[in-house]
Amino acid sequence: MSDIRVASRYAKSLIELASEKDVLEQVHADLQLFTQVVSQNRDFKLLLQNPIVKSDKKLAIINSVFGKQVSPMTMAFFGIITNKRREPVLETVAIEFENQYNELKGIQRAVVTSAMPLTTALREQLIMQLTVQTGKSIQLVEKVDPSLIGGFVLRVGDKQYDSSVRHSLTKLKNNFKDNPYINKL
């Protein structure tokens, strides 16, 4: 079975159990912390994916890193995952949990990449317009890419709106390549 399907099932089970026990927000915060640690620490990520290291050693390391910072339910979940020898999919489970949590709470993630940081007024206007269009509350992630020259690229779900100067120049360049005034034989 693919890692995404396995991760999706584990995430769904964890969401249902956390909702039932009324600790969903705590588990969500715990898995955000886990995702942050994995993304910032390459050695920890490689340890989770290493098939040579025994599961009980991995669990001991997870306990030492997260034992006092996360809820007992999250630690029990980590224990179940390691007992099933599914540690390599733990990061994917955390990502899938975030996706399912956002779906449950009606949160839409939007990524805006601009040449310069957004002003507060522009950020609020963008969030307001996206909220009206999607009907969901917006979690805006901002990125700065000076190579855009100007404008922005907005991604919401599987849709992308590119109004950057770089994109406009690329389109113009392609239009010049296809010169309709050259007589084609």
C-alpha atoms as a PDB file:
ATOM      1  CA  MET A   1       0.000   0.000   0.000  1.00  0.00           C
ATOM      2  CA  SER A   2       1.341   3.448  -0.826  1.00  0.00           C
ATOM      3  CA  ASP A   3       2.667   5.700   1.915  1.00  0.00           C
ATOM      4  CA  ILE A   4       0.041   8.357   1.203  1.00  0.00           C
ATOM      5  CA  ARG A   5      -2.825   5.914   1.685  1.00  0.00           C
ATOM      6  CA  VAL A   6      -1.305   4.540   4.886  1.00  0.00           C
ATOM      7  CA  ALA A   7      -0.639   8.045   6.186  1.00  0.00           C
ATOM      8  CA  SER A   8      -4.149   9.149   5.301  1.00  0.00           C
ATOM      9  CA  ARG A   9      -5.681   6.276   7.239  1.00  0.00           C
ATOM     10  CA  TYR A  10      -3.516   6.850  10.308  1.00  0.00           C
ATOM     11  CA  ALA A  11      -4.253  10.595  10.197  1.00  0.00           C
ATOM     12  CA  LYS A  12      -7.994   9.991   9.886  1.00  0.00           C
ATOM     13  CA  SER A  13      -7.943   7.586  12.837  1.00  0.00           C
ATOM     14  CA  LEU A  14      -5.972  10.045  14.953  1.00  0.00           C
ATOM     15  CA  ILE A  15      -8.339  12.910  14.110  1.00  0.00           C
ATOM     16  CA  GLU A  16     -11.377  10.818  15.008  1.00  0.00           C
ATOM     17  CA  LEU A  17      -9.863   9.641  18.293  1.00  0.00           C
ATOM     18  CA  ALA A  18      -8.620  13.117  19.249  1.00  0.00           C
ATOM     19  CA  SER A  19     -12.055  14.596  18.472  1.00  0.00           C
ATOM     20  CA  GLU A  20     -13.736  11.909  20.535  1.00  0.00           C
ATOM     21  CA  LYS A  21     -11.409  12.555  23.506  1.00  0.00           C
ATOM     22  CA  ASP A  22     -11.725  16.338  22.998  1.00  0.00           C
ATOM     23  CA  VAL A  23      -7.971  16.922  22.578  1.00  0.00           C
ATOM     24  CA  LEU A  24      -7.916  17.677  18.843  1.00  0.00           C
ATOM     25  CA  GLU A  25      -6.309  21.105  19.211  1.00  0.00           C
ATOM     26  CA  GLN A  26      -3.532  19.730  21.431  1.00  0.00           C
ATOM     27  CA  VAL A  27      -2.786  16.847  19.045  1.00  0.00           C
ATOM     28  CA  HIS A  28      -2.800  19.306  16.131  1.00  0.00           C
ATOM     29  CA  ALA A  29      -0.236  21.484  17.913  1.00  0.00           C
ATOM     30  CA  ASP A  30       1.847  18.393  18.725  1.00  0.00           C
ATOM     31  CA  LEU A  31       1.960  17.260  15.107  1.00  0.00           C
ATOM     32  CA  GLN A  32       2.827  20.774  13.951  1.00  0.00           C
ATOM     33  CA  LEU A  33       5.761  20.679  16.370  1.00  0.00           C
ATOM     34  CA  PHE A  34       6.751  17.260  15.027  1.00  0.00           C
ATOM     35  CA  THR A  35       6.622  18.512  11.420  1.00  0.00           C
ATOM     36  CA  GLN A  36       8.708  21.535  12.354  1.00  0.00           C
ATOM     37  CA  VAL A  37      11.366  19.389  14.065  1.00  0.00           C
ATOM     38  CA  VAL A  38      11.533  16.962  11.133  1.00  0.00           C
ATOM     39  CA  SER A  39      11.821  19.772   8.583  1.00  0.00           C
ATOM     40  CA  GLN A  40      14.578  21.523  10.543  1.00  0.00           C
ATOM     41  CA  ASN A  41      16.593  18.440  11.513  1.00  0.00           C
ATOM     42  CA  ARG A  42      17.752  16.309   8.594  1.00  0.00           C
ATOM     43  CA  ASP A  43      19.417  13.727  10.857  1.00  0.00           C
ATOM     44  CA  PHE A  44      16.154  13.090  12.711  1.00  0.00           C
ATOM     45  CA  LYS A  45      14.313  12.668   9.423  1.00  0.00           C
ATOM     46  CA  LEU A  46      16.923  10.222   8.145  1.00  0.00           C
ATOM     47  CA  LEU A  47      16.767   8.308  11.429  1.00  0.00           C
ATOM     48  CA  LEU A  48      13.020   7.779  11.032  1.00  0.00           C
ATOM     49  CA  GLN A  49      13.516   6.455   7.514  1.00  0.00           C
ATOM     50  CA  ASN A  50      16.522   4.260   8.313  1.00  0.00           C
ATOM     51  CA  PRO A  51      15.556   0.551   8.192  1.00  0.00           C
ATOM     52  CA  ILE A  52      18.714  -0.540  10.058  1.00  0.00           C
ATOM     53  CA  VAL A  53      17.839   1.270  13.315  1.00  0.00           C
ATOM     54  CA  LYS A  54      15.448  -0.819  15.412  1.00  0.00           C
ATOM     55  CA  SER A  55      11.966   0.489  16.147  1.00  0.00           C
ATOM     56  CA  ASP A  56      12.483   0.486  19.916  1.00  0.00           C
ATOM     57  CA  LYS A  57      15.558   2.718  19.503  1.00  0.00           C
ATOM     58  CA  LYS A  58      13.548   5.089  17.318  1.00  0.00           C
ATOM     59  CA  LEU A  59      10.768   5.179  19.912  1.00  0.00           C
ATOM     60  CA  ALA A  60      13.295   5.915  22.660  1.00  0.00           C
ATOM     61  CA  ILE A  61      14.660   8.832  20.620  1.00  0.00           C
ATOM     62  CA  ILE A  62      11.152  10.124  19.891  1.00  0.00           C
ATOM     63  CA  ASN A  63      10.351   9.872  23.623  1.00  0.00           C
ATOM     64  CA  SER A  64      13.479  11.794  24.568  1.00  0.00           C
ATOM     65  CA  VAL A  65      12.800  14.524  22.008  1.00  0.00           C
ATOM     66  CA  PHE A  66       9.025  14.913  22.439  1.00  0.00           C
ATOM     67  CA  GLY A  67       8.217  13.160  25.727  1.00  0.00           C
ATOM     68  CA  LYS A  68       7.640  16.247  27.857  1.00  0.00           C
ATOM     69  CA  GLN A  69       6.383  18.518  25.062  1.00  0.00           C
ATOM     70  CA  VAL A  70       3.467  16.584  23.570  1.00  0.00           C
ATOM     71  CA  SER A  71       0.252  15.143  24.952  1.00  0.00           C
ATOM     72  CA  PRO A  72      -0.010  11.528  26.152  1.00  0.00           C
ATOM     73  CA  MET A  73      -2.297  10.708  23.228  1.00  0.00           C
ATOM     74  CA  THR A  74       0.308  11.869  20.719  1.00  0.00           C
ATOM     75  CA  MET A  75       3.009   9.840  22.472  1.00  0.00           C
ATOM     76  CA  ALA A  76       0.729   6.792  22.428  1.00  0.00           C
ATOM     77  CA  PHE A  77       0.194   7.358  18.714  1.00  0.00           C
ATOM     78  CA  PHE A  78       3.961   7.524  18.144  1.00  0.00           C
ATOM     79  CA  GLY A  79       4.220   4.256  20.073  1.00  0.00           C
ATOM     80  CA  ILE A  80       1.624   2.553  17.886  1.00  0.00           C
ATOM     81  CA  ILE A  81       3.353   3.738  14.721  1.00  0.00           C
ATOM     82  CA  THR A  82       6.741   2.461  15.879  1.00  0.00           C
ATOM     83  CA  ASN A  83       5.309  -0.878  17.059  1.00  0.00           C
ATOM     84  CA  LYS A  84       3.880  -1.355  13.566  1.00  0.00           C
ATOM     85  CA  ARG A  85       7.289  -0.394  12.101  1.00  0.00           C
ATOM     86  CA  ARG A  86       5.777   2.521  10.179  1.00  0.00           C
ATOM     87  CA  GLU A  87       8.189   5.241  11.333  1.00  0.00           C
ATOM     88  CA  PRO A  88       9.181   6.163   7.761  1.00  0.00           C
ATOM     89  CA  VAL A  89       5.627   7.400   7.099  1.00  0.00           C
ATOM     90  CA  LEU A  90       5.381   9.410  10.325  1.00  0.00           C
ATOM     91  CA  GLU A  91       6.223  12.693   8.587  1.00  0.00           C
ATOM     92  CA  THR A  92       3.647  11.968   5.869  1.00  0.00           C
ATOM     93  CA  VAL A  93       1.081  11.154   8.579  1.00  0.00           C
ATOM     94  CA  ALA A  94       1.710  14.552  10.194  1.00  0.00           C
ATOM     95  CA  ILE A  95       1.308  16.340   6.847  1.00  0.00           C
ATOM     96  CA  GLU A  96      -1.842  14.406   6.024  1.00  0.00           C
ATOM     97  CA  PHE A  97      -3.195  15.124   9.526  1.00  0.00           C
ATOM     98  CA  GLU A  98      -2.718  18.847   8.834  1.00  0.00           C
ATOM     99  CA  ASN A  99      -4.591  18.544   5.523  1.00  0.00           C
ATOM    100  CA  GLN A 100      -7.494  16.656   7.098  1.00  0.00           C
ATOM    101  CA  TYR A 101      -7.586  19.022  10.077  1.00  0.00           C
ATOM    102  CA  ASN A 102      -7.815  22.015   7.726  1.00  0.00           C
ATOM    103  CA  GLU A 103     -10.624  20.305   5.797  1.00  0.00           C
ATOM    104  CA  LEU A 104     -12.477  19.554   9.039  1.00  0.00           C
ATOM    105  CA  LYS A 105     -12.136  23.115  10.332  1.00  0.00           C
ATOM    106  CA  GLY A 106     -12.877  24.796   6.962  1.00  0.00           C
ATOM    107  CA  ILE A 107      -9.414  26.296   6.552  1.00  0.00           C
ATOM    108  CA  GLN A 108      -7.979  26.898   3.083  1.00  0.00           C
ATOM    109  CA  ARG A 109      -4.218  27.264   2.724  1.00  0.00           C
ATOM    110  CA  ALA A 110      -3.041  29.893   0.237  1.00  0.00           C
ATOM    111  CA  VAL A 111       0.564  30.582  -0.755  1.00  0.00           C
ATOM    112  CA  VAL A 112       1.460  33.988  -2.119  1.00  0.00           C
ATOM    113  CA  THR A 113       4.916  34.618  -3.551  1.00  0.00           C
ATOM    114  CA  SER A 114       5.833  38.219  -4.216  1.00  0.00           C
ATOM    115  CA  ALA A 115       8.915  40.200  -5.147  1.00  0.00           C
ATOM    116  CA  MET A 116       8.714  42.169  -1.894  1.00  0.00           C
ATOM    117  CA  PRO A 117       7.021  41.468   1.456  1.00  0.00           C
ATOM    118  CA  LEU A 118       3.301  42.266   1.481  1.00  0.00           C
ATOM    119  CA  THR A 119       2.051  45.282   3.361  1.00  0.00           C
ATOM    120  CA  THR A 120      -0.449  44.728   6.152  1.00  0.00           C
ATOM    121  CA  ALA A 121      -3.264  46.371   4.184  1.00  0.00           C
ATOM    122  CA  LEU A 122      -2.568  44.276   1.088  1.00  0.00           C
ATOM    123  CA  ARG A 123      -2.374  41.090   3.162  1.00  0.00           C
ATOM    124  CA  GLU A 124      -5.735  41.809   4.812  1.00  0.00           C
ATOM    125  CA  GLN A 125      -7.348  42.668   1.465  1.00  0.00           C
ATOM    126  CA  LEU A 126      -6.034  39.450  -0.088  1.00  0.00           C
ATOM    127  CA  ILE A 127      -7.298  37.340   2.822  1.00  0.00           C
ATOM    128  CA  MET A 128     -10.696  39.050   2.658  1.00  0.00           C
ATOM    129  CA  GLN A 129     -11.081  38.452  -1.099  1.00  0.00           C
ATOM    130  CA  LEU A 130      -9.983  34.827  -0.821  1.00  0.00           C
ATOM    131  CA  THR A 131     -12.397  34.251   2.069  1.00  0.00           C
ATOM    132  CA  VAL A 132     -15.262  35.588  -0.048  1.00  0.00           C
ATOM    133  CA  GLN A 133     -14.266  33.475  -3.062  1.00  0.00           C
ATOM    134  CA  THR A 134     -13.631  30.198  -1.245  1.00  0.00           C
ATOM    135  CA  GLY A 135     -16.114  30.510   1.606  1.00  0.00           C
ATOM    136  CA  LYS A 136     -13.426  29.245   4.007  1.00  0.00           C
ATOM    137  CA  SER A 137     -11.086  30.926   6.431  1.00  0.00           C
ATOM    138  CA  ILE A 138      -7.693  31.507   4.844  1.00  0.00           C
ATOM    139  CA  GLN A 139      -4.299  30.480   6.177  1.00  0.00           C
ATOM    140  CA  LEU A 140      -1.921  32.670   4.186  1.00  0.00           C
ATOM    141  CA  VAL A 141       1.705  31.640   3.694  1.00  0.00           C
ATOM    142  CA  GLU A 142       3.919  34.394   2.352  1.00  0.00           C
ATOM    143  CA  LYS A 143       7.130  33.879   0.399  1.00  0.00           C
ATOM    144  CA  VAL A 144       9.473  36.448  -1.107  1.00  0.00           C
ATOM    145  CA  ASP A 145      11.169  35.787  -4.460  1.00  0.00           C
ATOM    146  CA  PRO A 146      13.021  38.804  -5.916  1.00  0.00           C
ATOM    147  CA  SER A 147      13.325  37.042  -9.288  1.00  0.00           C
ATOM    148  CA  LEU A 148       9.623  37.785  -9.891  1.00  0.00           C
ATOM    149  CA  ILE A 149      10.687  41.430 -10.462  1.00  0.00           C
ATOM    150  CA  GLY A 150       7.195  42.630  -9.516  1.00  0.00           C
ATOM    151  CA  GLY A 151       3.663  41.359  -9.015  1.00  0.00           C
ATOM    152  CA  PHE A 152       2.833  38.070  -7.302  1.00  0.00           C
ATOM    153  CA  VAL A 153       2.008  34.388  -7.744  1.00  0.00           C
ATOM    154  CA  LEU A 154      -0.965  33.086  -5.759  1.00  0.00           C
ATOM    155  CA  ARG A 155      -1.671  29.387  -5.171  1.00  0.00           C
ATOM    156  CA  VAL A 156      -4.926  28.275  -3.610  1.00  0.00           C
ATOM    157  CA  GLY A 157      -5.434  24.535  -3.588  1.00  0.00           C
ATOM    158  CA  ASP A 158      -4.692  23.284  -7.079  1.00  0.00           C
ATOM    159  CA  LYS A 159      -5.186  26.677  -8.760  1.00  0.00           C
ATOM    160  CA  GLN A 160      -2.469  29.204  -9.508  1.00  0.00           C
ATOM    161  CA  TYR A 161      -2.777  32.843 -10.518  1.00  0.00           C
ATOM    162  CA  ASP A 162       0.456  34.330 -11.860  1.00  0.00           C
ATOM    163  CA  SER A 163       0.550  38.096 -12.305  1.00  0.00           C
ATOM    164  CA  SER A 164       4.295  38.501 -11.947  1.00  0.00           C
ATOM    165  CA  VAL A 165       6.393  40.649 -14.240  1.00  0.00           C
ATOM    166  CA  ARG A 166       8.645  37.639 -14.901  1.00  0.00           C
ATOM    167  CA  HIS A 167       5.644  35.685 -16.223  1.00  0.00           C
ATOM    168  CA  SER A 168       4.560  38.602 -18.416  1.00  0.00           C
ATOM    169  CA  LEU A 169       8.057  38.929 -19.862  1.00  0.00           C
ATOM    170  CA  THR A 170       8.193  35.191 -20.567  1.00  0.00           C
ATOM    171  CA  LYS A 171       4.850  35.367 -22.396  1.00  0.00           C
ATOM    172  CA  LEU A 172       6.062  38.354 -24.401  1.00  0.00           C
ATOM    173  CA  LYS A 173       9.273  36.524 -25.297  1.00  0.00           C
ATOM    174  CA  ASN A 174       7.269  33.521 -26.507  1.00  0.00           C
ATOM    175  CA  ASN A 175       5.039  35.789 -28.581  1.00  0.00           C
ATOM    176  CA  PHE A 176       8.089  37.242 -30.308  1.00  0.00           C
ATOM    177  CA  LYS A 177       9.319  33.739 -31.109  1.00  0.00           C
ATOM    178  CA  ASP A 178       6.095  33.029 -32.972  1.00  0.00           C
ATOM    179  CA  ASN A 179       6.285  35.914 -35.449  1.00  0.00           C
ATOM    180  CA  PRO A 180       3.161  35.846 -37.660  1.00  0.00           C
ATOM    181  CA  TYR A 181       4.755  38.217 -40.177  1.00  0.00           C
ATOM    182  CA  ILE A 182       7.352  35.701 -41.334  1.00  0.00           C
ATOM    183  CA  ASN A 183       6.121  33.919 -44.406  1.00  0.00           C
ATOM    184  CA  LYS A 184       5.883  30.231 -43.560  1.00  0.00           C
ATOM    185  CA  LEU A 185       6.474  27.722 -46.300  1.00  0.00           C
END
